[in-house]
Amino acid sequence: KNDHLGFEIAYIHQGAVRKYRPDFLVR
């Protein structure tokens, strides 16, 4: 689960840069 891991994707919405943290990483 992507919790406190630091996996983030920067995106821009409503004129501001935000950080998107998807829920799970699966191999």
mmCIF file of all heavy atoms, coordinates in Angstrom:
data_MODEL
# 
_entry.id   MODEL 
# 
loop_
_atom_site.group_PDB 
_atom_site.id 
_atom_site.type_symbol 
_atom_site.label_atom_id 
_atom_site.label_alt_id 
_atom_site.label_comp_id 
_atom_site.label_asym_id 
_atom_site.label_entity_id 
_atom_site.label_seq_id 
_atom_site.pdbx_PDB_ins_code 
_atom_site.Cartn_x 
_atom_site.Cartn_y 
_atom_site.Cartn_z 
_atom_site.occupancy 
_atom_site.B_iso_or_equiv 
_atom_site.pdbx_formal_charge 
_atom_site.auth_seq_id 
_atom_site.auth_comp_id 
_atom_site.auth_asym_id 
_atom_site.auth_atom_id 
_atom_site.pdbx_PDB_model_num 
ATOM 1   N N   . LYS A 1 1  ? 0.851   -1.183 0.000   1.00 0.00 ? 1  LYS A N   1 
ATOM 2   C CA  . LYS A 1 1  ? 0.000   0.000  0.000   1.00 0.00 ? 1  LYS A CA  1 
ATOM 3   C C   . LYS A 1 1  ? 0.895   1.243  0.000   1.00 0.00 ? 1  LYS A C   1 
ATOM 4   O O   . LYS A 1 1  ? 1.877   1.308  0.743   1.00 0.00 ? 1  LYS A O   1 
ATOM 5   C CB  . LYS A 1 1  ? -0.909  0.023  1.231   1.00 0.00 ? 1  LYS A CB  1 
ATOM 6   C CG  . LYS A 1 1  ? -1.858  1.227  1.222   1.00 0.00 ? 1  LYS A CG  1 
ATOM 7   C CD  . LYS A 1 1  ? -2.706  1.314  2.472   1.00 0.00 ? 1  LYS A CD  1 
ATOM 8   C CE  . LYS A 1 1  ? -3.522  2.598  2.445   1.00 0.00 ? 1  LYS A CE  1 
ATOM 9   N NZ  . LYS A 1 1  ? -4.295  2.806  3.691   1.00 0.00 ? 1  LYS A NZ  1 
ATOM 10  N N   . ASN A 1 2  ? 0.552   2.195  -0.838  1.00 0.00 ? 2  ASN A N   1 
ATOM 11  C CA  . ASN A 1 2  ? 1.369   3.408  -0.983  1.00 0.00 ? 2  ASN A CA  1 
ATOM 12  C C   . ASN A 1 2  ? 1.070   4.369  0.162   1.00 0.00 ? 2  ASN A C   1 
ATOM 13  O O   . ASN A 1 2  ? 0.397   5.381  -0.009  1.00 0.00 ? 2  ASN A O   1 
ATOM 14  C CB  . ASN A 1 2  ? 1.090   4.066  -2.338  1.00 0.00 ? 2  ASN A CB  1 
ATOM 15  C CG  . ASN A 1 2  ? 1.988   5.258  -2.591  1.00 0.00 ? 2  ASN A CG  1 
ATOM 16  O OD1 . ASN A 1 2  ? 3.095   5.350  -2.055  1.00 0.00 ? 2  ASN A OD1 1 
ATOM 17  N ND2 . ASN A 1 2  ? 1.506   6.193  -3.400  1.00 0.00 ? 2  ASN A ND2 1 
ATOM 18  N N   . ASP A 1 3  ? 1.602   4.055  1.331   1.00 0.00 ? 3  ASP A N   1 
ATOM 19  C CA  . ASP A 1 3  ? 1.363   4.829  2.549   1.00 0.00 ? 3  ASP A CA  1 
ATOM 20  C C   . ASP A 1 3  ? 2.716   5.144  3.193   1.00 0.00 ? 3  ASP A C   1 
ATOM 21  O O   . ASP A 1 3  ? 3.411   4.225  3.634   1.00 0.00 ? 3  ASP A O   1 
ATOM 22  C CB  . ASP A 1 3  ? 0.483   4.018  3.504   1.00 0.00 ? 3  ASP A CB  1 
ATOM 23  C CG  . ASP A 1 3  ? -0.139  4.876  4.585   1.00 0.00 ? 3  ASP A CG  1 
ATOM 24  O OD1 . ASP A 1 3  ? 0.235   6.058  4.699   1.00 0.00 ? 3  ASP A OD1 1 
ATOM 25  O OD2 . ASP A 1 3  ? -1.002  4.355  5.321   1.00 0.00 ? 3  ASP A OD2 1 
ATOM 26  N N   . HIS A 1 4  ? 3.110   6.423  3.199   1.00 0.00 ? 4  HIS A N   1 
ATOM 27  C CA  . HIS A 1 4  ? 4.403   6.853  3.740   1.00 0.00 ? 4  HIS A CA  1 
ATOM 28  C C   . HIS A 1 4  ? 5.581   6.336  2.921   1.00 0.00 ? 4  HIS A C   1 
ATOM 29  O O   . HIS A 1 4  ? 6.712   6.315  3.417   1.00 0.00 ? 4  HIS A O   1 
ATOM 30  C CB  . HIS A 1 4  ? 4.571   6.399  5.199   1.00 0.00 ? 4  HIS A CB  1 
ATOM 31  C CG  . HIS A 1 4  ? 3.710   7.138  6.180   1.00 0.00 ? 4  HIS A CG  1 
ATOM 32  N ND1 . HIS A 1 4  ? 2.340   7.006  6.202   1.00 0.00 ? 4  HIS A ND1 1 
ATOM 33  C CD2 . HIS A 1 4  ? 4.029   8.020  7.170   1.00 0.00 ? 4  HIS A CD2 1 
ATOM 34  C CE1 . HIS A 1 4  ? 1.844   7.759  7.172   1.00 0.00 ? 4  HIS A CE1 1 
ATOM 35  N NE2 . HIS A 1 4  ? 2.833   8.398  7.761   1.00 0.00 ? 4  HIS A NE2 1 
ATOM 36  N N   . LEU A 1 5  ? 5.330   5.942  1.687   1.00 0.00 ? 5  LEU A N   1 
ATOM 37  C CA  . LEU A 1 5  ? 6.421   5.413  0.854   1.00 0.00 ? 5  LEU A CA  1 
ATOM 38  C C   . LEU A 1 5  ? 7.128   6.514  0.061   1.00 0.00 ? 5  LEU A C   1 
ATOM 39  O O   . LEU A 1 5  ? 8.294   6.375  -0.291  1.00 0.00 ? 5  LEU A O   1 
ATOM 40  C CB  . LEU A 1 5  ? 5.889   4.364  -0.123  1.00 0.00 ? 5  LEU A CB  1 
ATOM 41  C CG  . LEU A 1 5  ? 5.355   3.055  0.464   1.00 0.00 ? 5  LEU A CG  1 
ATOM 42  C CD1 . LEU A 1 5  ? 4.928   2.123  -0.660  1.00 0.00 ? 5  LEU A CD1 1 
ATOM 43  C CD2 . LEU A 1 5  ? 6.399   2.381  1.341   1.00 0.00 ? 5  LEU A CD2 1 
ATOM 44  N N   . GLY A 1 6  ? 6.397   7.563  -0.292  1.00 0.00 ? 6  GLY A N   1 
ATOM 45  C CA  . GLY A 1 6  ? 6.982   8.625  -1.097  1.00 0.00 ? 6  GLY A CA  1 
ATOM 46  C C   . GLY A 1 6  ? 6.777   8.461  -2.593  1.00 0.00 ? 6  GLY A C   1 
ATOM 47  O O   . GLY A 1 6  ? 7.397   9.179  -3.379  1.00 0.00 ? 6  GLY A O   1 
ATOM 48  N N   . PHE A 1 7  ? 5.914   7.509  -3.005  1.00 0.00 ? 7  PHE A N   1 
ATOM 49  C CA  . PHE A 1 7  ? 5.609   7.382  -4.433  1.00 0.00 ? 7  PHE A CA  1 
ATOM 50  C C   . PHE A 1 7  ? 4.529   8.397  -4.779  1.00 0.00 ? 7  PHE A C   1 
ATOM 51  O O   . PHE A 1 7  ? 3.373   8.261  -4.373  1.00 0.00 ? 7  PHE A O   1 
ATOM 52  C CB  . PHE A 1 7  ? 5.146   5.964  -4.770  1.00 0.00 ? 7  PHE A CB  1 
ATOM 53  C CG  . PHE A 1 7  ? 4.717   5.802  -6.210  1.00 0.00 ? 7  PHE A CG  1 
ATOM 54  C CD1 . PHE A 1 7  ? 5.604   6.090  -7.239  1.00 0.00 ? 7  PHE A CD1 1 
ATOM 55  C CD2 . PHE A 1 7  ? 3.444   5.380  -6.535  1.00 0.00 ? 7  PHE A CD2 1 
ATOM 56  C CE1 . PHE A 1 7  ? 5.212   5.953  -8.560  1.00 0.00 ? 7  PHE A CE1 1 
ATOM 57  C CE2 . PHE A 1 7  ? 3.045   5.234  -7.852  1.00 0.00 ? 7  PHE A CE2 1 
ATOM 58  C CZ  . PHE A 1 7  ? 3.934   5.524  -8.871  1.00 0.00 ? 7  PHE A CZ  1 
ATOM 59  N N   . GLU A 1 8  ? 4.913   9.429  -5.529  1.00 0.00 ? 8  GLU A N   1 
ATOM 60  C CA  . GLU A 1 8  ? 4.015   10.539 -5.841  1.00 0.00 ? 8  GLU A CA  1 
ATOM 61  C C   . GLU A 1 8  ? 4.157   10.915 -7.309  1.00 0.00 ? 8  GLU A C   1 
ATOM 62  O O   . GLU A 1 8  ? 5.236   10.821 -7.888  1.00 0.00 ? 8  GLU A O   1 
ATOM 63  C CB  . GLU A 1 8  ? 4.337   11.764 -4.978  1.00 0.00 ? 8  GLU A CB  1 
ATOM 64  C CG  . GLU A 1 8  ? 4.239   11.510 -3.487  1.00 0.00 ? 8  GLU A CG  1 
ATOM 65  C CD  . GLU A 1 8  ? 4.806   12.653 -2.664  1.00 0.00 ? 8  GLU A CD  1 
ATOM 66  O OE1 . GLU A 1 8  ? 5.684   13.391 -3.177  1.00 0.00 ? 8  GLU A OE1 1 
ATOM 67  O OE2 . GLU A 1 8  ? 4.380   12.803 -1.503  1.00 0.00 ? 8  GLU A OE2 1 
ATOM 68  N N   . ILE A 1 9  ? 3.054   11.366 -7.886  1.00 0.00 ? 9  ILE A N   1 
ATOM 69  C CA  . ILE A 1 9  ? 3.045   11.859 -9.260  1.00 0.00 ? 9  ILE A CA  1 
ATOM 70  C C   . ILE A 1 9  ? 2.527   13.287 -9.228  1.00 0.00 ? 9  ILE A C   1 
ATOM 71  O O   . ILE A 1 9  ? 1.397   13.541 -8.780  1.00 0.00 ? 9  ILE A O   1 
ATOM 72  C CB  . ILE A 1 9  ? 2.169   10.976 -10.170 1.00 0.00 ? 9  ILE A CB  1 
ATOM 73  C CG1 . ILE A 1 9  ? 2.749   9.558  -10.234 1.00 0.00 ? 9  ILE A CG1 1 
ATOM 74  C CG2 . ILE A 1 9  ? 2.047   11.578 -11.562 1.00 0.00 ? 9  ILE A CG2 1 
ATOM 75  C CD1 . ILE A 1 9  ? 1.874   8.580  -10.985 1.00 0.00 ? 9  ILE A CD1 1 
ATOM 76  N N   . ALA A 1 10 ? 3.349   14.228 -9.655  1.00 0.00 ? 10 ALA A N   1 
ATOM 77  C CA  . ALA A 1 10 ? 2.946   15.630 -9.659  1.00 0.00 ? 10 ALA A CA  1 
ATOM 78  C C   . ALA A 1 10 ? 1.949   15.881 -10.796 1.00 0.00 ? 10 ALA A C   1 
ATOM 79  O O   . ALA A 1 10 ? 2.125   15.379 -11.912 1.00 0.00 ? 10 ALA A O   1 
ATOM 80  C CB  . ALA A 1 10 ? 4.162   16.532 -9.815  1.00 0.00 ? 10 ALA A CB  1 
ATOM 81  N N   . TYR A 1 11 ? 0.902   16.646 -10.497 1.00 0.00 ? 11 TYR A N   1 
ATOM 82  C CA  . TYR A 1 11 ? -0.066  17.022 -11.527 1.00 0.00 ? 11 TYR A CA  1 
ATOM 83  C C   . TYR A 1 11 ? -0.553  18.440 -11.243 1.00 0.00 ? 11 TYR A C   1 
ATOM 84  O O   . TYR A 1 11 ? -0.355  18.976 -10.146 1.00 0.00 ? 11 TYR A O   1 
ATOM 85  C CB  . TYR A 1 11 ? -1.240  16.043 -11.574 1.00 0.00 ? 11 TYR A CB  1 
ATOM 86  C CG  . TYR A 1 11 ? -2.195  16.123 -10.404 1.00 0.00 ? 11 TYR A CG  1 
ATOM 87  C CD1 . TYR A 1 11 ? -3.423  16.774 -10.520 1.00 0.00 ? 11 TYR A CD1 1 
ATOM 88  C CD2 . TYR A 1 11 ? -1.877  15.556 -9.176  1.00 0.00 ? 11 TYR A CD2 1 
ATOM 89  C CE1 . TYR A 1 11 ? -4.307  16.848 -9.445  1.00 0.00 ? 11 TYR A CE1 1 
ATOM 90  C CE2 . TYR A 1 11 ? -2.747  15.621 -8.103  1.00 0.00 ? 11 TYR A CE2 1 
ATOM 91  C CZ  . TYR A 1 11 ? -3.964  16.271 -8.248  1.00 0.00 ? 11 TYR A CZ  1 
ATOM 92  O OH  . TYR A 1 11 ? -4.829  16.347 -7.173  1.00 0.00 ? 11 TYR A OH  1 
ATOM 93  N N   . ILE A 1 12 ? -1.138  19.050 -12.231 1.00 0.00 ? 12 ILE A N   1 
ATOM 94  C CA  . ILE A 1 12 ? -1.605  20.432 -12.096 1.00 0.00 ? 12 ILE A CA  1 
ATOM 95  C C   . ILE A 1 12 ? -3.115  20.456 -12.234 1.00 0.00 ? 12 ILE A C   1 
ATOM 96  O O   . ILE A 1 12 ? -3.676  19.935 -13.203 1.00 0.00 ? 12 ILE A O   1 
ATOM 97  C CB  . ILE A 1 12 ? -0.955  21.347 -13.154 1.00 0.00 ? 12 ILE A CB  1 
ATOM 98  C CG1 . ILE A 1 12 ? 0.567   21.341 -12.988 1.00 0.00 ? 12 ILE A CG1 1 
ATOM 99  C CG2 . ILE A 1 12 ? -1.494  22.765 -13.053 1.00 0.00 ? 12 ILE A CG2 1 
ATOM 100 C CD1 . ILE A 1 12 ? 1.299   22.145 -14.033 1.00 0.00 ? 12 ILE A CD1 1 
ATOM 101 N N   . HIS A 1 13 ? -3.772  21.064 -11.244 1.00 0.00 ? 13 HIS A N   1 
ATOM 102 C CA  . HIS A 1 13 ? -5.235  21.177 -11.263 1.00 0.00 ? 13 HIS A CA  1 
ATOM 103 C C   . HIS A 1 13 ? -5.631  22.508 -10.651 1.00 0.00 ? 13 HIS A C   1 
ATOM 104 O O   . HIS A 1 13 ? -5.097  22.907 -9.619  1.00 0.00 ? 13 HIS A O   1 
ATOM 105 C CB  . HIS A 1 13 ? -5.871  20.023 -10.478 1.00 0.00 ? 13 HIS A CB  1 
ATOM 106 C CG  . HIS A 1 13 ? -7.365  20.031 -10.511 1.00 0.00 ? 13 HIS A CG  1 
ATOM 107 N ND1 . HIS A 1 13 ? -8.125  20.389 -9.421  1.00 0.00 ? 13 HIS A ND1 1 
ATOM 108 C CD2 . HIS A 1 13 ? -8.248  19.757 -11.519 1.00 0.00 ? 13 HIS A CD2 1 
ATOM 109 C CE1 . HIS A 1 13 ? -9.402  20.303 -9.740  1.00 0.00 ? 13 HIS A CE1 1 
ATOM 110 N NE2 . HIS A 1 13 ? -9.500  19.930 -11.003 1.00 0.00 ? 13 HIS A NE2 1 
ATOM 111 N N   . GLN A 1 14 ? -6.538  23.195 -11.310 1.00 0.00 ? 14 GLN A N   1 
ATOM 112 C CA  . GLN A 1 14 ? -7.017  24.496 -10.834 1.00 0.00 ? 14 GLN A CA  1 
ATOM 113 C C   . GLN A 1 14 ? -5.862  25.470 -10.603 1.00 0.00 ? 14 GLN A C   1 
ATOM 114 O O   . GLN A 1 14 ? -5.862  26.243 -9.659  1.00 0.00 ? 14 GLN A O   1 
ATOM 115 C CB  . GLN A 1 14 ? -7.833  24.324 -9.538  1.00 0.00 ? 14 GLN A CB  1 
ATOM 116 C CG  . GLN A 1 14 ? -9.060  23.448 -9.673  1.00 0.00 ? 14 GLN A CG  1 
ATOM 117 C CD  . GLN A 1 14 ? -10.176 24.093 -10.488 1.00 0.00 ? 14 GLN A CD  1 
ATOM 118 O OE1 . GLN A 1 14 ? -10.194 25.294 -10.690 1.00 0.00 ? 14 GLN A OE1 1 
ATOM 119 N NE2 . GLN A 1 14 ? -11.111 23.289 -10.970 1.00 0.00 ? 14 GLN A NE2 1 
ATOM 120 N N   . GLY A 1 15 ? -4.855  25.408 -11.475 1.00 0.00 ? 15 GLY A N   1 
ATOM 121 C CA  . GLY A 1 15 ? -3.767  26.366 -11.404 1.00 0.00 ? 15 GLY A CA  1 
ATOM 122 C C   . GLY A 1 15 ? -2.747  26.111 -10.308 1.00 0.00 ? 15 GLY A C   1 
ATOM 123 O O   . GLY A 1 15 ? -1.941  26.982 -10.008 1.00 0.00 ? 15 GLY A O   1 
ATOM 124 N N   . ALA A 1 16 ? -2.745  24.926 -9.704  1.00 0.00 ? 16 ALA A N   1 
ATOM 125 C CA  . ALA A 1 16 ? -1.783  24.626 -8.638  1.00 0.00 ? 16 ALA A CA  1 
ATOM 126 C C   . ALA A 1 16 ? -1.193  23.239 -8.858  1.00 0.00 ? 16 ALA A C   1 
ATOM 127 O O   . ALA A 1 16 ? -1.884  22.316 -9.312  1.00 0.00 ? 16 ALA A O   1 
ATOM 128 C CB  . ALA A 1 16 ? -2.450  24.700 -7.264  1.00 0.00 ? 16 ALA A CB  1 
ATOM 129 N N   . VAL A 1 17 ? 0.094   23.079 -8.542  1.00 0.00 ? 17 VAL A N   1 
ATOM 130 C CA  . VAL A 1 17 ? 0.747   21.772 -8.609  1.00 0.00 ? 17 VAL A CA  1 
ATOM 131 C C   . VAL A 1 17 ? 0.367   20.982 -7.369  1.00 0.00 ? 17 VAL A C   1 
ATOM 132 O O   . VAL A 1 17 ? 0.481   21.470 -6.245  1.00 0.00 ? 17 VAL A O   1 
ATOM 133 C CB  . VAL A 1 17 ? 2.275   21.930 -8.707  1.00 0.00 ? 17 VAL A CB  1 
ATOM 134 C CG1 . VAL A 1 17 ? 2.957   20.562 -8.663  1.00 0.00 ? 17 VAL A CG1 1 
ATOM 135 C CG2 . VAL A 1 17 ? 2.662   22.670 -9.979  1.00 0.00 ? 17 VAL A CG2 1 
ATOM 136 N N   . ARG A 1 18 ? -0.080  19.772 -7.577  1.00 0.00 ? 18 ARG A N   1 
ATOM 137 C CA  . ARG A 1 18 ? -0.486  18.907 -6.475  1.00 0.00 ? 18 ARG A CA  1 
ATOM 138 C C   . ARG A 1 18 ? 0.229   17.565 -6.594  1.00 0.00 ? 18 ARG A C   1 
ATOM 139 O O   . ARG A 1 18 ? 0.894   17.289 -7.591  1.00 0.00 ? 18 ARG A O   1 
ATOM 140 C CB  . ARG A 1 18 ? -2.014  18.714 -6.489  1.00 0.00 ? 18 ARG A CB  1 
ATOM 141 C CG  . ARG A 1 18 ? -2.789  20.033 -6.467  1.00 0.00 ? 18 ARG A CG  1 
ATOM 142 C CD  . ARG A 1 18 ? -4.257  19.838 -6.817  1.00 0.00 ? 18 ARG A CD  1 
ATOM 143 N NE  . ARG A 1 18 ? -4.922  21.087 -7.077  1.00 0.00 ? 18 ARG A NE  1 
ATOM 144 C CZ  . ARG A 1 18 ? -5.608  21.786 -6.180  1.00 0.00 ? 18 ARG A CZ  1 
ATOM 145 N NH1 . ARG A 1 18 ? -5.693  21.345 -4.944  1.00 0.00 ? 18 ARG A NH1 1 
ATOM 146 N NH2 . ARG A 1 18 ? -6.195  22.910 -6.513  1.00 0.00 ? 18 ARG A NH2 1 
ATOM 147 N N   . LYS A 1 19 ? 0.078   16.735 -5.572  1.00 0.00 ? 19 LYS A N   1 
ATOM 148 C CA  . LYS A 1 19 ? 0.729   15.430 -5.561  1.00 0.00 ? 19 LYS A CA  1 
ATOM 149 C C   . LYS A 1 19 ? -0.327  14.329 -5.511  1.00 0.00 ? 19 LYS A C   1 
ATOM 150 O O   . LYS A 1 19 ? -1.189  14.319 -4.632  1.00 0.00 ? 19 LYS A O   1 
ATOM 151 C CB  . LYS A 1 19 ? 1.672   15.321 -4.359  1.00 0.00 ? 19 LYS A CB  1 
ATOM 152 C CG  . LYS A 1 19 ? 2.873   16.257 -4.451  1.00 0.00 ? 19 LYS A CG  1 
ATOM 153 C CD  . LYS A 1 19 ? 3.762   16.146 -3.238  1.00 0.00 ? 19 LYS A CD  1 
ATOM 154 C CE  . LYS A 1 19 ? 4.953   17.094 -3.338  1.00 0.00 ? 19 LYS A CE  1 
ATOM 155 N NZ  . LYS A 1 19 ? 5.821   17.020 -2.131  1.00 0.00 ? 19 LYS A NZ  1 
ATOM 156 N N   . TYR A 1 20 ? -0.220  13.424 -6.447  1.00 0.00 ? 20 TYR A N   1 
ATOM 157 C CA  . TYR A 1 20 ? -1.144  12.300 -6.558  1.00 0.00 ? 20 TYR A CA  1 
ATOM 158 C C   . TYR A 1 20 ? -0.438  11.049 -6.034  1.00 0.00 ? 20 TYR A C   1 
ATOM 159 O O   . TYR A 1 20 ? 0.659   10.710 -6.469  1.00 0.00 ? 20 TYR A O   1 
ATOM 160 C CB  . TYR A 1 20 ? -1.554  12.139 -8.028  1.00 0.00 ? 20 TYR A CB  1 
ATOM 161 C CG  . TYR A 1 20 ? -2.305  10.890 -8.374  1.00 0.00 ? 20 TYR A CG  1 
ATOM 162 C CD1 . TYR A 1 20 ? -3.250  10.333 -7.509  1.00 0.00 ? 20 TYR A CD1 1 
ATOM 163 C CD2 . TYR A 1 20 ? -2.092  10.254 -9.601  1.00 0.00 ? 20 TYR A CD2 1 
ATOM 164 C CE1 . TYR A 1 20 ? -3.941  9.185  -7.845  1.00 0.00 ? 20 TYR A CE1 1 
ATOM 165 C CE2 . TYR A 1 20 ? -2.782  9.112  -9.948  1.00 0.00 ? 20 TYR A CE2 1 
ATOM 166 C CZ  . TYR A 1 20 ? -3.701  8.583  -9.063  1.00 0.00 ? 20 TYR A CZ  1 
ATOM 167 O OH  . TYR A 1 20 ? -4.388  7.438  -9.401  1.00 0.00 ? 20 TYR A OH  1 
ATOM 168 N N   . ARG A 1 21 ? -1.075  10.388 -5.088  1.00 0.00 ? 21 ARG A N   1 
ATOM 169 C CA  . ARG A 1 21 ? -0.500  9.193  -4.462  1.00 0.00 ? 21 ARG A CA  1 
ATOM 170 C C   . ARG A 1 21 ? -1.433  8.010  -4.722  1.00 0.00 ? 21 ARG A C   1 
ATOM 171 O O   . ARG A 1 21 ? -2.392  7.798  -3.960  1.00 0.00 ? 21 ARG A O   1 
ATOM 172 C CB  . ARG A 1 21 ? -0.300  9.418  -2.963  1.00 0.00 ? 21 ARG A CB  1 
ATOM 173 C CG  . ARG A 1 21 ? 0.609   10.615 -2.648  1.00 0.00 ? 21 ARG A CG  1 
ATOM 174 C CD  . ARG A 1 21 ? 0.646   10.934 -1.164  1.00 0.00 ? 21 ARG A CD  1 
ATOM 175 N NE  . ARG A 1 21 ? 1.500   12.080 -0.885  1.00 0.00 ? 21 ARG A NE  1 
ATOM 176 C CZ  . ARG A 1 21 ? 1.094   13.345 -0.878  1.00 0.00 ? 21 ARG A CZ  1 
ATOM 177 N NH1 . ARG A 1 21 ? -0.189  13.619 -1.133  1.00 0.00 ? 21 ARG A NH1 1 
ATOM 178 N NH2 . ARG A 1 21 ? 1.931   14.329 -0.629  1.00 0.00 ? 21 ARG A NH2 1 
ATOM 179 N N   . PRO A 1 22 ? -1.185  7.229  -5.765  1.00 0.00 ? 22 PRO A N   1 
ATOM 180 C CA  . PRO A 1 22 ? -2.032  6.052  -6.036  1.00 0.00 ? 22 PRO A CA  1 
ATOM 181 C C   . PRO A 1 22 ? -2.026  5.092  -4.854  1.00 0.00 ? 22 PRO A C   1 
ATOM 182 O O   . PRO A 1 22 ? -1.108  5.087  -4.028  1.00 0.00 ? 22 PRO A O   1 
ATOM 183 C CB  . PRO A 1 22 ? -1.362  5.429  -7.273  1.00 0.00 ? 22 PRO A CB  1 
ATOM 184 C CG  . PRO A 1 22 ? -0.603  6.550  -7.901  1.00 0.00 ? 22 PRO A CG  1 
ATOM 185 C CD  . PRO A 1 22 ? -0.142  7.409  -6.770  1.00 0.00 ? 22 PRO A CD  1 
ATOM 186 N N   . ASP A 1 23 ? -3.038  4.243  -4.794  1.00 0.00 ? 23 ASP A N   1 
ATOM 187 C CA  . ASP A 1 23 ? -3.269  3.442  -3.585  1.00 0.00 ? 23 ASP A CA  1 
ATOM 188 C C   . ASP A 1 23 ? -2.303  2.263  -3.417  1.00 0.00 ? 23 ASP A C   1 
ATOM 189 O O   . ASP A 1 23 ? -1.811  2.014  -2.318  1.00 0.00 ? 23 ASP A O   1 
ATOM 190 C CB  . ASP A 1 23 ? -4.713  2.922  -3.591  1.00 0.00 ? 23 ASP A CB  1 
ATOM 191 C CG  . ASP A 1 23 ? -5.709  4.056  -3.463  1.00 0.00 ? 23 ASP A CG  1 
ATOM 192 O OD1 . ASP A 1 23 ? -5.456  4.973  -2.662  1.00 0.00 ? 23 ASP A OD1 1 
ATOM 193 O OD2 . ASP A 1 23 ? -6.724  4.041  -4.178  1.00 0.00 ? 23 ASP A OD2 1 
ATOM 194 N N   . PHE A 1 24 ? -2.038  1.503  -4.501  1.00 0.00 ? 24 PHE A N   1 
ATOM 195 C CA  . PHE A 1 24 ? -1.248  0.288  -4.367  1.00 0.00 ? 24 PHE A CA  1 
ATOM 196 C C   . PHE A 1 24 ? -0.201  0.180  -5.475  1.00 0.00 ? 24 PHE A C   1 
ATOM 197 O O   . PHE A 1 24 ? -0.441  0.629  -6.608  1.00 0.00 ? 24 PHE A O   1 
ATOM 198 C CB  . PHE A 1 24 ? -2.134  -0.965 -4.423  1.00 0.00 ? 24 PHE A CB  1 
ATOM 199 C CG  . PHE A 1 24 ? -3.105  -1.087 -3.286  1.00 0.00 ? 24 PHE A CG  1 
ATOM 200 C CD1 . PHE A 1 24 ? -4.420  -0.657 -3.425  1.00 0.00 ? 24 PHE A CD1 1 
ATOM 201 C CD2 . PHE A 1 24 ? -2.708  -1.633 -2.069  1.00 0.00 ? 24 PHE A CD2 1 
ATOM 202 C CE1 . PHE A 1 24 ? -5.320  -0.771 -2.386  1.00 0.00 ? 24 PHE A CE1 1 
ATOM 203 C CE2 . PHE A 1 24 ? -3.604  -1.756 -1.025  1.00 0.00 ? 24 PHE A CE2 1 
ATOM 204 C CZ  . PHE A 1 24 ? -4.912  -1.324 -1.178  1.00 0.00 ? 24 PHE A CZ  1 
ATOM 205 N N   . LEU A 1 25 ? 0.928   -0.422 -5.132  1.00 0.00 ? 25 LEU A N   1 
ATOM 206 C CA  . LEU A 1 25 ? 1.929   -0.847 -6.111  1.00 0.00 ? 25 LEU A CA  1 
ATOM 207 C C   . LEU A 1 25 ? 1.975   -2.369 -6.080  1.00 0.00 ? 25 LEU A C   1 
ATOM 208 O O   . LEU A 1 25 ? 2.092   -2.971 -5.005  1.00 0.00 ? 25 LEU A O   1 
ATOM 209 C CB  . LEU A 1 25 ? 3.303   -0.277 -5.774  1.00 0.00 ? 25 LEU A CB  1 
ATOM 210 C CG  . LEU A 1 25 ? 3.486   1.245  -5.931  1.00 0.00 ? 25 LEU A CG  1 
ATOM 211 C CD1 . LEU A 1 25 ? 4.858   1.666  -5.433  1.00 0.00 ? 25 LEU A CD1 1 
ATOM 212 C CD2 . LEU A 1 25 ? 3.303   1.659  -7.372  1.00 0.00 ? 25 LEU A CD2 1 
ATOM 213 N N   . VAL A 1 26 ? 1.897   -2.993 -7.258  1.00 0.00 ? 26 VAL A N   1 
ATOM 214 C CA  . VAL A 1 26 ? 1.802   -4.448 -7.342  1.00 0.00 ? 26 VAL A CA  1 
ATOM 215 C C   . VAL A 1 26 ? 2.834   -4.964 -8.344  1.00 0.00 ? 26 VAL A C   1 
ATOM 216 O O   . VAL A 1 26 ? 2.945   -4.438 -9.464  1.00 0.00 ? 26 VAL A O   1 
ATOM 217 C CB  . VAL A 1 26 ? 0.394   -4.890 -7.796  1.00 0.00 ? 26 VAL A CB  1 
ATOM 218 C CG1 . VAL A 1 26 ? 0.287   -6.414 -7.805  1.00 0.00 ? 26 VAL A CG1 1 
ATOM 219 C CG2 . VAL A 1 26 ? -0.680  -4.267 -6.891  1.00 0.00 ? 26 VAL A CG2 1 
ATOM 220 N N   . ARG A 1 27 ? 3.613   -5.979 -7.931  1.00 0.00 ? 27 ARG A N   1 
ATOM 221 C CA  . ARG A 1 27 ? 4.504   -6.673 -8.866  1.00 0.00 ? 27 ARG A CA  1 
ATOM 222 C C   . ARG A 1 27 ? 3.879   -8.012 -9.211  1.00 0.00 ? 27 ARG A C   1 
ATOM 223 O O   . ARG A 1 27 ? 3.608   -8.835 -8.317  1.00 0.00 ? 27 ARG A O   1 
ATOM 224 C CB  . ARG A 1 27 ? 5.895   -6.867 -8.269  1.00 0.00 ? 27 ARG A CB  1 
ATOM 225 C CG  . ARG A 1 27 ? 6.868   -7.479 -9.289  1.00 0.00 ? 27 ARG A CG  1 
ATOM 226 C CD  . ARG A 1 27 ? 8.317   -7.501 -8.804  1.00 0.00 ? 27 ARG A CD  1 
ATOM 227 N NE  . ARG A 1 27 ? 8.535   -8.472 -7.745  1.00 0.00 ? 27 ARG A NE  1 
ATOM 228 C CZ  . ARG A 1 27 ? 8.916   -8.162 -6.508  1.00 0.00 ? 27 ARG A CZ  1 
ATOM 229 N NH1 . ARG A 1 27 ? 9.112   -6.900 -6.175  1.00 0.00 ? 27 ARG A NH1 1 
ATOM 230 N NH2 . ARG A 1 27 ? 9.107   -9.108 -5.601  1.00 0.00 ? 27 ARG A NH2 1 
# 
